[in-house]
PDB file of all heavy atoms in Angstrom:
ATOM      1  N   VAL A   1       3.286  -8.523  -3.357  1.00  0.00           N
ATOM      2  CA  VAL A   1       4.410  -8.618  -4.297  1.00  0.00           C
ATOM      3  C   VAL A   1       4.188  -9.786  -5.252  1.00  0.00           C
ATOM      4  O   VAL A   1       4.397  -9.669  -6.474  1.00  0.00           O
ATOM      5  CB  VAL A   1       5.739  -8.782  -3.532  1.00  0.00           C
ATOM      6  CG1 VAL A   1       6.878  -9.145  -4.483  1.00  0.00           C
ATOM      7  CG2 VAL A   1       6.087  -7.504  -2.776  1.00  0.00           C
ATOM      8  N   GLU A   2       3.758 -10.894  -4.715  1.00  0.00           N
ATOM      9  CA  GLU A   2       3.500 -12.072  -5.548  1.00  0.00           C
ATOM     10  C   GLU A   2       2.395 -11.799  -6.560  1.00  0.00           C
ATOM     11  O   GLU A   2       2.507 -12.164  -7.739  1.00  0.00           O
ATOM     12  CB  GLU A   2       3.113 -13.239  -4.644  1.00  0.00           C
ATOM     13  CG  GLU A   2       2.812 -14.539  -5.359  1.00  0.00           C
ATOM     14  CD  GLU A   2       2.383 -15.610  -4.385  1.00  0.00           C
ATOM     15  OE1 GLU A   2       3.272 -16.216  -3.757  1.00  0.00           O
ATOM     16  OE2 GLU A   2       1.158 -15.814  -4.235  1.00  0.00           O
ATOM     17  N   ARG A   3       1.332 -11.159  -6.114  1.00  0.00           N
ATOM     18  CA  ARG A   3       0.200 -10.889  -7.014  1.00  0.00           C
ATOM     19  C   ARG A   3       0.587  -9.878  -8.102  1.00  0.00           C
ATOM     20  O   ARG A   3       0.151 -10.000  -9.251  1.00  0.00           O
ATOM     21  CB  ARG A   3      -0.999 -10.370  -6.223  1.00  0.00           C
ATOM     22  CG  ARG A   3      -1.556 -11.350  -5.206  1.00  0.00           C
ATOM     23  CD  ARG A   3      -2.178 -12.563  -5.866  1.00  0.00           C
ATOM     24  NE  ARG A   3      -2.888 -13.361  -4.882  1.00  0.00           N
ATOM     25  CZ  ARG A   3      -2.367 -14.378  -4.198  1.00  0.00           C
ATOM     26  NH1 ARG A   3      -1.100 -14.731  -4.421  1.00  0.00           N
ATOM     27  NH2 ARG A   3      -3.075 -15.038  -3.313  1.00  0.00           N
ATOM     28  N   ILE A   4       1.385  -8.883  -7.749  1.00  0.00           N
ATOM     29  CA  ILE A   4       1.867  -7.941  -8.756  1.00  0.00           C
ATOM     30  C   ILE A   4       2.591  -8.695  -9.862  1.00  0.00           C
ATOM     31  O   ILE A   4       2.440  -8.413 -11.060  1.00  0.00           O
ATOM     32  CB  ILE A   4       2.799  -6.886  -8.118  1.00  0.00           C
ATOM     33  CG1 ILE A   4       1.974  -5.822  -7.388  1.00  0.00           C
ATOM     34  CG2 ILE A   4       3.683  -6.222  -9.164  1.00  0.00           C
ATOM     35  CD1 ILE A   4       1.336  -4.789  -8.277  1.00  0.00           C
ATOM     36  N   GLY A   5       3.389  -9.677  -9.482  1.00  0.00           N
ATOM     37  CA  GLY A   5       4.113 -10.467 -10.468  1.00  0.00           C
ATOM     38  C   GLY A   5       3.204 -11.252 -11.388  1.00  0.00           C
ATOM     39  O   GLY A   5       3.626 -11.674 -12.472  1.00  0.00           O
ATOM     40  N   ARG A   6       1.952 -11.416 -10.972  1.00  0.00           N
ATOM     41  CA  ARG A   6       0.973 -12.132 -11.802  1.00  0.00           C
ATOM     42  C   ARG A   6       0.015 -11.172 -12.510  1.00  0.00           C
ATOM     43  O   ARG A   6      -0.993 -11.601 -13.072  1.00  0.00           O
ATOM     44  CB  ARG A   6       0.192 -13.118 -10.926  1.00  0.00           C
ATOM     45  CG  ARG A   6       1.056 -14.288 -10.438  1.00  0.00           C
ATOM     46  CD  ARG A   6       0.440 -15.030  -9.275  1.00  0.00           C
ATOM     47  NE  ARG A   6      -0.935 -15.436  -9.520  1.00  0.00           N
ATOM     48  CZ  ARG A   6      -1.716 -16.008  -8.586  1.00  0.00           C
ATOM     49  NH1 ARG A   6      -1.240 -16.211  -7.364  1.00  0.00           N
ATOM     50  NH2 ARG A   6      -2.950 -16.345  -8.878  1.00  0.00           N
ATOM     51  N   GLY A   7       0.331  -9.860 -12.454  1.00  0.00           N
ATOM     52  CA  GLY A   7      -0.439  -8.897 -13.223  1.00  0.00           C
ATOM     53  C   GLY A   7      -1.665  -8.335 -12.551  1.00  0.00           C
ATOM     54  O   GLY A   7      -2.555  -7.802 -13.217  1.00  0.00           O
ATOM     55  N   TYR A   8      -1.713  -8.390 -11.221  1.00  0.00           N
ATOM     56  CA  TYR A   8      -2.885  -7.903 -10.500  1.00  0.00           C
ATOM     57  C   TYR A   8      -2.884  -6.367 -10.397  1.00  0.00           C
ATOM     58  O   TYR A   8      -1.823  -5.738 -10.356  1.00  0.00           O
ATOM     59  CB  TYR A   8      -2.913  -8.457  -9.078  1.00  0.00           C
ATOM     60  CG  TYR A   8      -3.530  -9.829  -8.935  1.00  0.00           C
ATOM     61  CD1 TYR A   8      -3.063 -10.914  -9.672  1.00  0.00           C
ATOM     62  CD2 TYR A   8      -4.578 -10.057  -8.048  1.00  0.00           C
ATOM     63  CE1 TYR A   8      -3.611 -12.179  -9.533  1.00  0.00           C
ATOM     64  CE2 TYR A   8      -5.141 -11.313  -7.896  1.00  0.00           C
ATOM     65  CZ  TYR A   8      -4.646 -12.369  -8.635  1.00  0.00           C
ATOM     66  OH  TYR A   8      -5.203 -13.628  -8.498  1.00  0.00           O
ATOM     67  N   VAL A   9      -4.080  -5.796 -10.312  1.00  0.00           N
ATOM     68  CA  VAL A   9      -4.256  -4.408  -9.894  1.00  0.00           C
ATOM     69  C   VAL A   9      -4.304  -4.389  -8.366  1.00  0.00           C
ATOM     70  O   VAL A   9      -5.031  -5.181  -7.751  1.00  0.00           O
ATOM     71  CB  VAL A   9      -5.560  -3.812 -10.469  1.00  0.00           C
ATOM     72  CG1 VAL A   9      -5.774  -2.383  -9.955  1.00  0.00           C
ATOM     73  CG2 VAL A   9      -5.543  -3.839 -11.983  1.00  0.00           C
ATOM     74  N   VAL A  10      -3.529  -3.484  -7.757  1.00  0.00           N
ATOM     75  CA  VAL A  10      -3.456  -3.411  -6.289  1.00  0.00           C
ATOM     76  C   VAL A  10      -3.827  -2.002  -5.846  1.00  0.00           C
ATOM     77  O   VAL A  10      -2.980  -1.102  -5.802  1.00  0.00           O
ATOM     78  CB  VAL A  10      -2.048  -3.775  -5.778  1.00  0.00           C
ATOM     79  CG1 VAL A  10      -2.022  -3.726  -4.249  1.00  0.00           C
ATOM     80  CG2 VAL A  10      -1.630  -5.151  -6.274  1.00  0.00           C
ATOM     81  N   PRO A  11      -5.108  -1.752  -5.530  1.00  0.00           N
ATOM     82  CA  PRO A  11      -5.490  -0.445  -4.989  1.00  0.00           C
ATOM     83  C   PRO A  11      -5.277  -0.428  -3.481  1.00  0.00           C
ATOM     84  O   PRO A  11      -5.636  -1.378  -2.774  1.00  0.00           O
ATOM     85  CB  PRO A  11      -6.983  -0.359  -5.338  1.00  0.00           C
ATOM     86  CG  PRO A  11      -7.436  -1.780  -5.390  1.00  0.00           C
ATOM     87  CD  PRO A  11      -6.258  -2.630  -5.754  1.00  0.00           C
ATOM     88  N   LEU A  12      -4.691   0.638  -2.980  1.00  0.00           N
ATOM     89  CA  LEU A  12      -4.396   0.756  -1.553  1.00  0.00           C
ATOM     90  C   LEU A  12      -4.792   2.141  -1.058  1.00  0.00           C
ATOM     91  O   LEU A  12      -4.369   3.155  -1.625  1.00  0.00           O
ATOM     92  CB  LEU A  12      -2.902   0.542  -1.298  1.00  0.00           C
ATOM     93  CG  LEU A  12      -2.335  -0.839  -1.659  1.00  0.00           C
ATOM     94  CD1 LEU A  12      -0.814  -0.823  -1.573  1.00  0.00           C
ATOM     95  CD2 LEU A  12      -2.917  -1.928  -0.772  1.00  0.00           C
ATOM     96  N   LEU A  13      -5.618   2.186  -0.016  1.00  0.00           N
ATOM     97  CA  LEU A  13      -5.950   3.466   0.597  1.00  0.00           C
ATOM     98  C   LEU A  13      -4.683   4.051   1.198  1.00  0.00           C
ATOM     99  O   LEU A  13      -3.963   3.384   1.943  1.00  0.00           O
ATOM    100  CB  LEU A  13      -7.026   3.276   1.658  1.00  0.00           C
ATOM    101  CG  LEU A  13      -8.426   2.976   1.097  1.00  0.00           C
ATOM    102  CD1 LEU A  13      -9.338   2.416   2.182  1.00  0.00           C
ATOM    103  CD2 LEU A  13      -9.040   4.212   0.465  1.00  0.00           C
ATOM    104  N   ALA A  14      -4.409   5.312   0.856  1.00  0.00           N
ATOM    105  CA  ALA A  14      -3.071   5.847   1.110  1.00  0.00           C
ATOM    106  C   ALA A  14      -3.043   7.190   1.823  1.00  0.00           C
ATOM    107  O   ALA A  14      -1.959   7.747   2.022  1.00  0.00           O
ATOM    108  CB  ALA A  14      -2.320   5.980  -0.225  1.00  0.00           C
ATOM    109  N   ASP A  15      -4.184   7.737   2.224  1.00  0.00           N
ATOM    110  CA  ASP A  15      -4.175   9.081   2.799  1.00  0.00           C
ATOM    111  C   ASP A  15      -4.151   9.101   4.316  1.00  0.00           C
ATOM    112  O   ASP A  15      -4.145  10.174   4.920  1.00  0.00           O
ATOM    113  CB  ASP A  15      -5.367   9.899   2.287  1.00  0.00           C
ATOM    114  CG  ASP A  15      -6.710   9.219   2.545  1.00  0.00           C
ATOM    115  OD1 ASP A  15      -6.724   8.024   2.910  1.00  0.00           O
ATOM    116  OD2 ASP A  15      -7.750   9.884   2.355  1.00  0.00           O
ATOM    117  N   ARG A  16      -4.137   7.936   4.956  1.00  0.00           N
ATOM    118  CA  ARG A  16      -4.112   7.924   6.423  1.00  0.00           C
ATOM    119  C   ARG A  16      -3.365   6.684   6.895  1.00  0.00           C
ATOM    120  O   ARG A  16      -3.681   5.575   6.485  1.00  0.00           O
ATOM    121  CB  ARG A  16      -5.535   7.930   6.993  1.00  0.00           C
ATOM    122  CG  ARG A  16      -5.585   7.889   8.514  1.00  0.00           C
ATOM    123  CD  ARG A  16      -6.990   8.132   9.017  1.00  0.00           C
ATOM    124  NE  ARG A  16      -7.074   7.952  10.458  1.00  0.00           N
ATOM    125  CZ  ARG A  16      -7.544   6.853  11.054  1.00  0.00           C
ATOM    126  NH1 ARG A  16      -7.996   5.850  10.317  1.00  0.00           N
ATOM    127  NH2 ARG A  16      -7.583   6.756  12.364  1.00  0.00           N
ATOM    128  N   ASP A  17      -2.384   6.907   7.754  1.00  0.00           N
ATOM    129  CA  ASP A  17      -1.588   5.809   8.284  1.00  0.00           C
ATOM    130  C   ASP A  17      -2.282   5.208   9.501  1.00  0.00           C
ATOM    131  O   ASP A  17      -2.720   5.922  10.392  1.00  0.00           O
ATOM    132  CB  ASP A  17      -0.192   6.310   8.680  1.00  0.00           C
ATOM    133  CG  ASP A  17       0.649   5.216   9.284  1.00  0.00           C
ATOM    134  OD1 ASP A  17       0.808   4.172   8.622  1.00  0.00           O
ATOM    135  OD2 ASP A  17       1.137   5.396  10.413  1.00  0.00           O
ATOM    136  N   LEU A  18      -2.393   3.893   9.516  1.00  0.00           N
ATOM    137  CA  LEU A  18      -3.048   3.197  10.620  1.00  0.00           C
ATOM    138  C   LEU A  18      -2.055   2.614  11.621  1.00  0.00           C
ATOM    139  O   LEU A  18      -2.456   2.107  12.660  1.00  0.00           O
ATOM    140  CB  LEU A  18      -3.926   2.064  10.081  1.00  0.00           C
ATOM    141  CG  LEU A  18      -5.086   2.487   9.179  1.00  0.00           C
ATOM    142  CD1 LEU A  18      -5.788   1.255   8.608  1.00  0.00           C
ATOM    143  CD2 LEU A  18      -6.078   3.352   9.943  1.00  0.00           C
ATOM    144  N   SER A  19      -0.775   2.681  11.312  1.00  0.00           N
ATOM    145  CA  SER A  19       0.207   1.975  12.126  1.00  0.00           C
ATOM    146  C   SER A  19       0.982   2.880  13.074  1.00  0.00           C
ATOM    147  O   SER A  19       1.675   2.381  13.965  1.00  0.00           O
ATOM    148  CB  SER A  19       1.215   1.272  11.209  1.00  0.00           C
ATOM    149  OG  SER A  19       2.017   2.220  10.528  1.00  0.00           O
ATOM    150  N   ALA A  20       0.905   4.193  12.890  1.00  0.00           N
ATOM    151  CA  ALA A  20       1.737   5.159  13.621  1.00  0.00           C
ATOM    152  C   ALA A  20       3.211   4.995  13.286  1.00  0.00           C
ATOM    153  O   ALA A  20       4.075   5.532  13.976  1.00  0.00           O
ATOM    154  CB  ALA A  20       1.513   5.058  15.132  1.00  0.00           C
ATOM    155  N   ARG A  21       3.505   4.229  12.233  1.00  0.00           N
ATOM    156  CA  ARG A  21       4.888   4.078  11.783  1.00  0.00           C
ATOM    157  C   ARG A  21       5.012   4.527  10.327  1.00  0.00           C
ATOM    158  O   ARG A  21       5.932   4.104   9.619  1.00  0.00           O
ATOM    159  CB  ARG A  21       5.343   2.618  11.909  1.00  0.00           C
ATOM    160  CG  ARG A  21       5.326   2.079  13.336  1.00  0.00           C
ATOM    161  CD  ARG A  21       5.927   0.694  13.413  1.00  0.00           C
ATOM    162  NE  ARG A  21       5.232  -0.248  12.551  1.00  0.00           N
ATOM    163  CZ  ARG A  21       4.151  -0.942  12.904  1.00  0.00           C
ATOM    164  NH1 ARG A  21       3.635  -0.776  14.112  1.00  0.00           N
ATOM    165  NH2 ARG A  21       3.586  -1.782  12.078  1.00  0.00           N
ATOM    166  N   GLY A  22       4.116   5.386   9.895  1.00  0.00           N
ATOM    167  CA  GLY A  22       4.102   5.798   8.508  1.00  0.00           C
ATOM    168  C   GLY A  22       5.177   6.807   8.180  1.00  0.00           C
ATOM    169  O   GLY A  22       5.987   7.201   9.023  1.00  0.00           O
ATOM    170  N   VAL A  23       5.146   7.237   6.932  1.00  0.00           N
ATOM    171  CA  VAL A  23       6.121   8.190   6.413  1.00  0.00           C
ATOM    172  C   VAL A  23       5.590   9.602   6.630  1.00  0.00           C
ATOM    173  O   VAL A  23       4.458   9.912   6.243  1.00  0.00           O
ATOM    174  CB  VAL A  23       6.374   7.941   4.919  1.00  0.00           C
ATOM    175  CG1 VAL A  23       7.360   8.968   4.362  1.00  0.00           C
ATOM    176  CG2 VAL A  23       6.887   6.522   4.693  1.00  0.00           C
ATOM    177  N   GLU A  24       6.385  10.465   7.245  1.00  0.00           N
ATOM    178  CA  GLU A  24       5.934  11.837   7.458  1.00  0.00           C
ATOM    179  C   GLU A  24       6.001  12.607   6.145  1.00  0.00           C
ATOM    180  O   GLU A  24       7.005  12.570   5.433  1.00  0.00           O
ATOM    181  CB  GLU A  24       6.794  12.521   8.508  1.00  0.00           C
ATOM    182  CG  GLU A  24       6.265  13.891   8.902  1.00  0.00           C
ATOM    183  CD  GLU A  24       6.980  14.472  10.100  1.00  0.00           C
ATOM    184  OE1 GLU A  24       7.146  13.758  11.111  1.00  0.00           O
ATOM    185  OE2 GLU A  24       7.383  15.658  10.008  1.00  0.00           O
ATOM    186  N   VAL A  25       4.904  13.297   5.821  1.00  0.00           N
ATOM    187  CA  VAL A  25       4.816  14.067   4.589  1.00  0.00           C
ATOM    188  C   VAL A  25       4.192  15.417   4.888  1.00  0.00           C
ATOM    189  O   VAL A  25       3.573  15.630   5.934  1.00  0.00           O
ATOM    190  CB  VAL A  25       3.954  13.336   3.523  1.00  0.00           C
ATOM    191  CG1 VAL A  25       4.604  12.032   3.087  1.00  0.00           C
ATOM    192  CG2 VAL A  25       2.531  13.100   4.033  1.00  0.00           C
TER     193      VAL A  25
END
């Protein structure tokens, strides 16, 4: 969140949940 406020690009791998607490889709 802090880095976004400073204009950073934030790429995040998003096709597999590692926590078992992800969002069901």
